[in-house]
């Protein structure tokens, strides 16, 4: 009887131990699940941070491209204005060259005419 009671008590203790172990396993599983959720949350935050950094980098690159495009447009405008100015200057140079040529020809004609007159005057003076 004593052995039986002792076995019954031992079985009761073992049942309690089994219940305690099952609770421990359940708690460990819940803790592991909670830890997994926390790890997933950390991973999600990390991924979100990386995406935000990439988006910022893309936005910065787009801004730099926009600024460079503005500079390029301004340079094109300056080039077109300079090209137009060069064409105007070339036309002016051509006009001036033509004017110099005409005036040189006229001056040459006047010089020859003057020289002829001077020769005639010398001849007239010599006659006198």
N, C-alpha and C. Protein backbone atom coordinates (compact mmCIF):
# COMPACT_ATOMS: atom_id res chain seq x y z
N UNK A 1 0.85 -1.18 0.00
CA UNK A 1 0.00 0.00 0.00
C UNK A 1 0.90 1.25 0.00
N UNK A 2 1.93 1.18 0.86
CA UNK A 2 2.83 2.32 0.92
C UNK A 2 3.50 2.54 -0.43
N UNK A 3 3.90 1.47 -1.06
CA UNK A 3 4.52 1.55 -2.37
C UNK A 3 3.53 2.09 -3.39
N UNK A 4 2.33 1.69 -3.26
CA UNK A 4 1.29 2.13 -4.18
C UNK A 4 1.06 3.61 -4.02
N UNK A 5 0.98 4.06 -2.79
CA UNK A 5 0.78 5.47 -2.52
C UNK A 5 1.97 6.26 -3.04
N UNK A 6 3.11 5.69 -2.80
CA UNK A 6 4.31 6.37 -3.26
C UNK A 6 4.32 6.46 -4.78
N UNK A 7 3.93 5.41 -5.45
CA UNK A 7 3.86 5.41 -6.92
C UNK A 7 2.82 6.40 -7.40
N UNK A 8 1.69 6.47 -6.70
CA UNK A 8 0.64 7.42 -7.08
C UNK A 8 1.18 8.83 -6.92
N UNK A 9 1.86 9.08 -5.81
CA UNK A 9 2.44 10.42 -5.59
C UNK A 9 3.48 10.74 -6.66
N UNK A 10 4.28 9.73 -6.97
CA UNK A 10 5.30 9.91 -7.99
C UNK A 10 4.68 10.20 -9.35
N UNK A 11 3.60 9.50 -9.65
CA UNK A 11 2.89 9.73 -10.91
C UNK A 11 2.31 11.14 -10.91
N UNK A 12 1.77 11.56 -9.76
CA UNK A 12 1.24 12.93 -9.66
C UNK A 12 2.33 13.96 -9.89
N UNK A 13 3.49 13.71 -9.28
CA UNK A 13 4.63 14.64 -9.45
C UNK A 13 5.06 14.64 -10.91
N UNK A 14 5.13 13.46 -11.50
CA UNK A 14 5.52 13.36 -12.92
C UNK A 14 4.51 14.07 -13.82
N UNK A 15 3.21 13.92 -13.49
CA UNK A 15 2.18 14.60 -14.28
C UNK A 15 2.37 16.12 -14.18
N UNK A 16 2.66 16.57 -12.93
CA UNK A 16 2.89 18.01 -12.75
C UNK A 16 4.12 18.45 -13.55
N UNK A 17 5.16 17.60 -13.49
CA UNK A 17 6.38 17.92 -14.25
C UNK A 17 6.08 17.96 -15.75
N UNK A 18 5.27 17.01 -16.21
CA UNK A 18 4.90 16.98 -17.63
C UNK A 18 4.13 18.25 -17.99
N UNK A 19 3.17 18.63 -17.12
CA UNK A 19 2.40 19.85 -17.36
C UNK A 19 3.33 21.06 -17.37
N UNK A 20 4.26 21.09 -16.40
CA UNK A 20 5.22 22.21 -16.34
C UNK A 20 6.11 22.23 -17.59
N UNK A 21 6.54 21.04 -18.01
CA UNK A 21 7.36 20.97 -19.22
C UNK A 21 6.58 21.41 -20.46
N UNK A 22 5.34 20.96 -20.54
CA UNK A 22 4.50 21.38 -21.67
C UNK A 22 4.31 22.89 -21.67
N UNK A 23 4.08 23.48 -20.48
CA UNK A 23 3.95 24.93 -20.39
C UNK A 23 5.25 25.62 -20.79
N UNK A 24 6.36 25.03 -20.35
CA UNK A 24 7.68 25.58 -20.73
C UNK A 24 7.88 25.52 -22.23
N UNK A 25 7.50 24.38 -22.83
CA UNK A 25 7.61 24.24 -24.29
C UNK A 25 6.72 25.26 -24.98
N UNK A 26 5.48 25.39 -24.51
CA UNK A 26 4.55 26.36 -25.09
C UNK A 26 5.11 27.78 -24.96
N UNK A 27 5.63 28.10 -23.77
CA UNK A 27 6.20 29.43 -23.54
C UNK A 27 7.39 29.65 -24.48
N UNK A 28 8.24 28.61 -24.61
CA UNK A 28 9.41 28.72 -25.49
C UNK A 28 8.96 28.91 -26.94
N UNK A 29 7.91 28.16 -27.35
CA UNK A 29 7.40 28.30 -28.72
C UNK A 29 6.84 29.71 -28.94
N UNK A 30 6.09 30.21 -27.96
CA UNK A 30 5.53 31.56 -28.06
C UNK A 30 6.65 32.60 -28.10
N UNK A 31 7.66 32.38 -27.27
CA UNK A 31 8.80 33.29 -27.24
C UNK A 31 9.53 33.26 -28.57
N UNK A 32 9.69 32.04 -29.11
CA UNK A 32 10.36 31.91 -30.42
C UNK A 32 9.54 32.60 -31.49
N UNK A 33 8.22 32.43 -31.46
CA UNK A 33 7.35 33.08 -32.43
C UNK A 33 7.43 34.59 -32.27
N UNK A 34 7.42 35.04 -31.02
CA UNK A 34 7.51 36.47 -30.76
C UNK A 34 8.87 37.00 -31.23
N UNK A 35 9.92 36.23 -30.98
CA UNK A 35 11.25 36.62 -31.42
C UNK A 35 11.32 36.66 -32.95
N UNK A 36 10.66 35.70 -33.59
CA UNK A 36 10.60 35.69 -35.05
C UNK A 36 9.89 36.94 -35.56
N UNK A 37 8.78 37.29 -34.90
CA UNK A 37 8.03 38.49 -35.29
C UNK A 37 8.89 39.73 -35.10
N UNK A 38 9.61 39.79 -33.98
CA UNK A 38 10.48 40.93 -33.73
C UNK A 38 11.58 41.01 -34.79
N UNK A 39 12.15 39.83 -35.12
CA UNK A 39 13.19 39.79 -36.14
C UNK A 39 12.63 40.22 -37.50
N UNK A 40 11.43 39.77 -37.80
CA UNK A 40 10.79 40.16 -39.07
C UNK A 40 10.52 41.66 -39.08
N UNK A 41 10.08 42.19 -37.95
CA UNK A 41 9.83 43.63 -37.84
C UNK A 41 11.13 44.40 -38.06
N UNK A 42 12.22 43.92 -37.43
CA UNK A 42 13.51 44.57 -37.63
C UNK A 42 13.94 44.49 -39.09
N UNK A 43 13.75 43.33 -39.69
CA UNK A 43 14.08 43.17 -41.11
C UNK A 43 13.25 44.12 -41.98
N UNK A 44 11.97 44.22 -41.66
CA UNK A 44 11.09 45.11 -42.43
C UNK A 44 11.54 46.57 -42.30
N UNK A 45 11.91 46.96 -41.08
CA UNK A 45 12.39 48.34 -40.86
C UNK A 45 13.70 48.58 -41.62
N UNK A 46 14.58 47.58 -41.59
CA UNK A 46 15.85 47.70 -42.29
C UNK A 46 15.63 47.83 -43.81
N UNK A 47 14.76 47.00 -44.33
CA UNK A 47 14.44 47.07 -45.77
C UNK A 47 13.81 48.41 -46.11
N UNK A 48 12.91 48.88 -45.25
CA UNK A 48 12.28 50.18 -45.49
C UNK A 48 13.33 51.29 -45.49
N UNK A 49 14.29 51.20 -44.57
CA UNK A 49 15.36 52.20 -44.50
C UNK A 49 16.21 52.16 -45.78
N UNK A 50 16.53 50.98 -46.23
CA UNK A 50 17.32 50.85 -47.47
C UNK A 50 16.55 51.43 -48.65
N UNK A 51 15.26 51.13 -48.73
CA UNK A 51 14.43 51.67 -49.83
C UNK A 51 14.39 53.19 -49.76
N UNK A 52 14.26 53.73 -48.54
CA UNK A 52 14.22 55.19 -48.37
C UNK A 52 15.55 55.80 -48.82
N UNK A 53 16.67 55.18 -48.45
CA UNK A 53 17.98 55.68 -48.87
C UNK A 53 18.11 55.63 -50.39
N UNK A 54 17.66 54.55 -50.98
CA UNK A 54 17.72 54.42 -52.45
C UNK A 54 16.85 55.49 -53.10
N UNK A 55 15.66 55.70 -52.56
CA UNK A 55 14.77 56.73 -53.11
C UNK A 55 15.41 58.11 -53.00
N UNK A 56 16.06 58.37 -51.86
CA UNK A 56 16.75 59.66 -51.70
C UNK A 56 17.89 59.79 -52.71
N UNK A 57 18.62 58.70 -52.93
CA UNK A 57 19.71 58.73 -53.90
C UNK A 57 19.17 58.99 -55.30
N UNK A 58 18.07 58.34 -55.64
CA UNK A 58 17.45 58.55 -56.95
C UNK A 58 16.96 59.99 -57.09
N UNK A 59 16.34 60.51 -56.04
CA UNK A 59 15.85 61.89 -56.07
C UNK A 59 17.01 62.86 -56.25
N UNK A 60 18.10 62.61 -55.55
CA UNK A 60 19.28 63.47 -55.68
C UNK A 60 19.84 63.39 -57.10
N UNK A 61 19.92 62.18 -57.64
CA UNK A 61 20.42 62.02 -59.02
C UNK A 61 19.51 62.74 -60.01
N UNK A 62 18.20 62.62 -59.82
CA UNK A 62 17.26 63.31 -60.71
C UNK A 62 17.43 64.82 -60.61
N UNK A 63 17.65 65.32 -59.38
CA UNK A 63 17.87 66.76 -59.19
C UNK A 63 19.15 67.21 -59.90
N UNK A 64 20.22 66.42 -59.75
CA UNK A 64 21.48 66.76 -60.41
C UNK A 64 21.31 66.75 -61.93
N UNK A 65 20.58 65.76 -62.45
CA UNK A 65 20.33 65.69 -63.88
C UNK A 65 19.54 66.92 -64.33
N UNK A 66 18.54 67.31 -63.54
CA UNK A 66 17.74 68.49 -63.86
C UNK A 66 18.62 69.74 -63.91
N UNK A 67 19.50 69.89 -62.90
CA UNK A 67 20.40 71.05 -62.86
C UNK A 67 21.36 71.03 -64.05
N UNK A 68 21.88 69.85 -64.38
CA UNK A 68 22.78 69.74 -65.52
C UNK A 68 22.05 70.06 -66.82
N UNK A 69 20.79 69.65 -66.91
CA UNK A 69 19.99 69.94 -68.11
C UNK A 69 19.80 71.45 -68.24
N UNK A 70 19.56 72.12 -67.10
CA UNK A 70 19.42 73.58 -67.13
C UNK A 70 20.71 74.23 -67.62
N UNK A 71 21.85 73.74 -67.11
CA UNK A 71 23.14 74.28 -67.55
C UNK A 71 23.36 74.03 -69.04
N UNK A 72 22.99 72.84 -69.47
CA UNK A 72 23.14 72.50 -70.89
C UNK A 72 22.27 73.41 -71.75
N UNK A 73 21.04 73.64 -71.33
CA UNK A 73 20.15 74.52 -72.08
C UNK A 73 20.70 75.94 -72.13
N UNK A 74 21.23 76.40 -71.00
CA UNK A 74 21.82 77.74 -70.97
C UNK A 74 23.03 77.82 -71.89
N UNK A 75 23.84 76.76 -71.89
CA UNK A 75 25.01 76.73 -72.77
C UNK A 75 24.60 76.73 -74.24
N UNK A 76 23.55 75.97 -74.55
CA UNK A 76 23.06 75.95 -75.93
C UNK A 76 22.59 77.34 -76.34
N UNK A 77 21.87 78.00 -75.44
CA UNK A 77 21.38 79.35 -75.73
C UNK A 77 22.56 80.29 -75.96
N UNK A 78 23.57 80.22 -75.09
CA UNK A 78 24.75 81.07 -75.26
C UNK A 78 25.46 80.76 -76.57
N UNK A 79 25.54 79.47 -76.91
CA UNK A 79 26.20 79.08 -78.16
C UNK A 79 25.44 79.66 -79.35
N UNK A 80 24.13 79.56 -79.33
CA UNK A 80 23.32 80.08 -80.44
C UNK A 80 23.51 81.59 -80.55
N UNK A 81 23.51 82.29 -79.41
CA UNK A 81 23.71 83.74 -79.43
C UNK A 81 25.10 84.09 -79.95
N UNK A 82 26.11 83.36 -79.49
CA UNK A 82 27.49 83.61 -79.93
C UNK A 82 27.62 83.33 -81.42
N UNK A 83 27.00 82.24 -81.87
CA UNK A 83 27.04 81.89 -83.30
C UNK A 83 26.40 82.98 -84.14
N UNK A 84 25.28 83.50 -83.68
CA UNK A 84 24.59 84.59 -84.38
C UNK A 84 25.47 85.84 -84.41
N UNK A 85 26.10 86.11 -83.26
CA UNK A 85 26.99 87.28 -83.18
C UNK A 85 28.17 87.12 -84.15
N UNK A 86 28.74 85.92 -84.22
CA UNK A 86 29.85 85.65 -85.14
C UNK A 86 29.41 85.86 -86.58
N UNK A 87 28.23 85.37 -86.92
CA UNK A 87 27.72 85.56 -88.29
C UNK A 87 27.55 87.05 -88.59
N UNK A 88 27.01 87.80 -87.63
CA UNK A 88 26.85 89.25 -87.83
C UNK A 88 28.21 89.93 -88.02
N UNK A 89 29.18 89.51 -87.21
CA UNK A 89 30.52 90.09 -87.33
C UNK A 89 31.15 89.74 -88.69
N UNK A 90 30.96 88.53 -89.15
CA UNK A 90 31.48 88.13 -90.46
C UNK A 90 30.86 88.98 -91.56
N UNK A 91 29.54 89.21 -91.45
CA UNK A 91 28.86 90.06 -92.44
C UNK A 91 29.42 91.48 -92.38
N UNK A 92 29.64 91.99 -91.18
CA UNK A 92 30.17 93.34 -91.01
C UNK A 92 31.59 93.43 -91.60
N UNK A 93 32.40 92.39 -91.33
CA UNK A 93 33.76 92.35 -91.89
C UNK A 93 33.70 92.36 -93.41
N UNK A 94 32.81 91.57 -93.98
CA UNK A 94 32.67 91.52 -95.44
C UNK A 94 32.26 92.89 -95.98
N UNK A 95 31.31 93.52 -95.29
CA UNK A 95 30.89 94.87 -95.71
C UNK A 95 32.05 95.85 -95.65
N UNK A 96 32.83 95.79 -94.56
CA UNK A 96 33.97 96.69 -94.40
C UNK A 96 35.05 96.42 -95.46
N UNK A 97 35.28 95.12 -95.73
CA UNK A 97 36.27 94.78 -96.77
C UNK A 97 35.82 95.33 -98.13
N UNK A 98 34.52 95.18 -98.43
CA UNK A 98 34.01 95.71 -99.70
C UNK A 98 34.14 97.23 -99.73
N UNK A 99 33.84 97.87 -98.60
CA UNK A 99 33.95 99.32 -98.52
C UNK A 99 35.39 99.76 -98.73
N UNK A 100 36.32 99.06 -98.08
CA UNK A 100 37.75 99.39 -98.23
C UNK A 100 38.17 99.20 -99.68
N UNK A 101 37.71 98.11 -100.30
CA UNK A 101 38.06 97.86 -101.69
C UNK A 101 37.53 98.98 -102.58
N UNK A 102 36.27 99.36 -102.38
CA UNK A 102 35.68 100.43 -103.19
C UNK A 102 36.42 101.75 -102.96
N UNK A 103 36.69 102.04 -101.69
CA UNK A 103 37.35 103.31 -101.39
C UNK A 103 38.78 103.31 -101.89
N UNK A 104 39.43 102.15 -101.84
CA UNK A 104 40.80 102.06 -102.36
C UNK A 104 40.79 102.29 -103.86
N UNK A 105 39.81 101.68 -104.54
CA UNK A 105 39.72 101.88 -105.99
C UNK A 105 39.43 103.34 -106.31
N UNK A 106 38.52 103.95 -105.58
CA UNK A 106 38.20 105.36 -105.82
C UNK A 106 39.40 106.23 -105.49
N UNK A 107 40.06 105.94 -104.40
CA UNK A 107 41.23 106.71 -104.00
C UNK A 107 42.33 106.58 -105.05
N UNK A 108 42.50 105.36 -105.55
CA UNK A 108 43.50 105.12 -106.58
C UNK A 108 43.18 105.92 -107.83
N UNK A 109 41.90 105.94 -108.20
CA UNK A 109 41.49 106.72 -109.38
C UNK A 109 41.75 108.21 -109.13
N UNK A 110 41.42 108.70 -107.96
CA UNK A 110 41.64 110.10 -107.65
C UNK A 110 43.13 110.43 -107.64
N UNK A 111 43.93 109.49 -107.13
CA UNK A 111 45.37 109.70 -107.08
C UNK A 111 45.93 109.80 -108.50
N UNK A 112 45.48 108.90 -109.36
CA UNK A 112 45.95 108.94 -110.75
C UNK A 112 45.52 110.24 -111.42
N UNK A 113 44.29 110.62 -111.12
CA UNK A 113 43.78 111.86 -111.68
C UNK A 113 44.58 113.04 -111.17
N UNK A 114 44.89 113.01 -109.89
CA UNK A 114 45.67 114.09 -109.28
C UNK A 114 47.06 114.12 -109.89
N UNK A 115 47.66 112.93 -110.05
CA UNK A 115 49.00 112.87 -110.63
C UNK A 115 49.00 113.42 -112.06
N UNK A 116 47.95 113.08 -112.80
CA UNK A 116 47.85 113.59 -114.17
C UNK A 116 47.75 115.11 -114.14
N UNK A 117 46.92 115.64 -113.23
CA UNK A 117 46.77 117.08 -113.13
C UNK A 117 48.09 117.75 -112.72
N UNK A 118 48.80 117.11 -111.79
CA UNK A 118 50.07 117.67 -111.36
C UNK A 118 51.06 117.68 -112.53
N UNK A 119 51.04 116.63 -113.33
CA UNK A 119 51.92 116.55 -114.49
C UNK A 119 51.58 117.66 -115.49
N UNK A 120 50.29 117.84 -115.68
CA UNK A 120 49.86 118.88 -116.60
C UNK A 120 50.28 120.25 -116.08
N UNK A 121 50.16 120.43 -114.78
CA UNK A 121 50.57 121.71 -114.21
C UNK A 121 52.06 121.94 -114.37
N UNK A 122 52.84 120.90 -114.17
CA UNK A 122 54.28 121.03 -114.33
C UNK A 122 54.62 121.38 -115.78
N UNK A 123 53.95 120.73 -116.68
CA UNK A 123 54.18 121.01 -118.10
C UNK A 123 53.81 122.45 -118.41
N UNK A 124 52.70 122.89 -117.85
CA UNK A 124 52.26 124.26 -118.08
C UNK A 124 53.25 125.25 -117.49
N UNK A 125 53.77 124.92 -116.32
CA UNK A 125 54.74 125.79 -115.67
C UNK A 125 56.03 125.81 -116.49
N UNK A 126 56.37 124.70 -117.04
CA UNK A 126 57.59 124.64 -117.81
C UNK A 126 57.44 125.45 -119.11
N UNK A 127 56.27 125.45 -119.60
CA UNK A 127 56.03 126.22 -120.80
C UNK A 127 56.12 127.71 -120.47
N UNK A 128 55.75 128.06 -119.35
CA UNK A 128 55.75 129.46 -118.98
C UNK A 128 57.12 129.88 -118.60
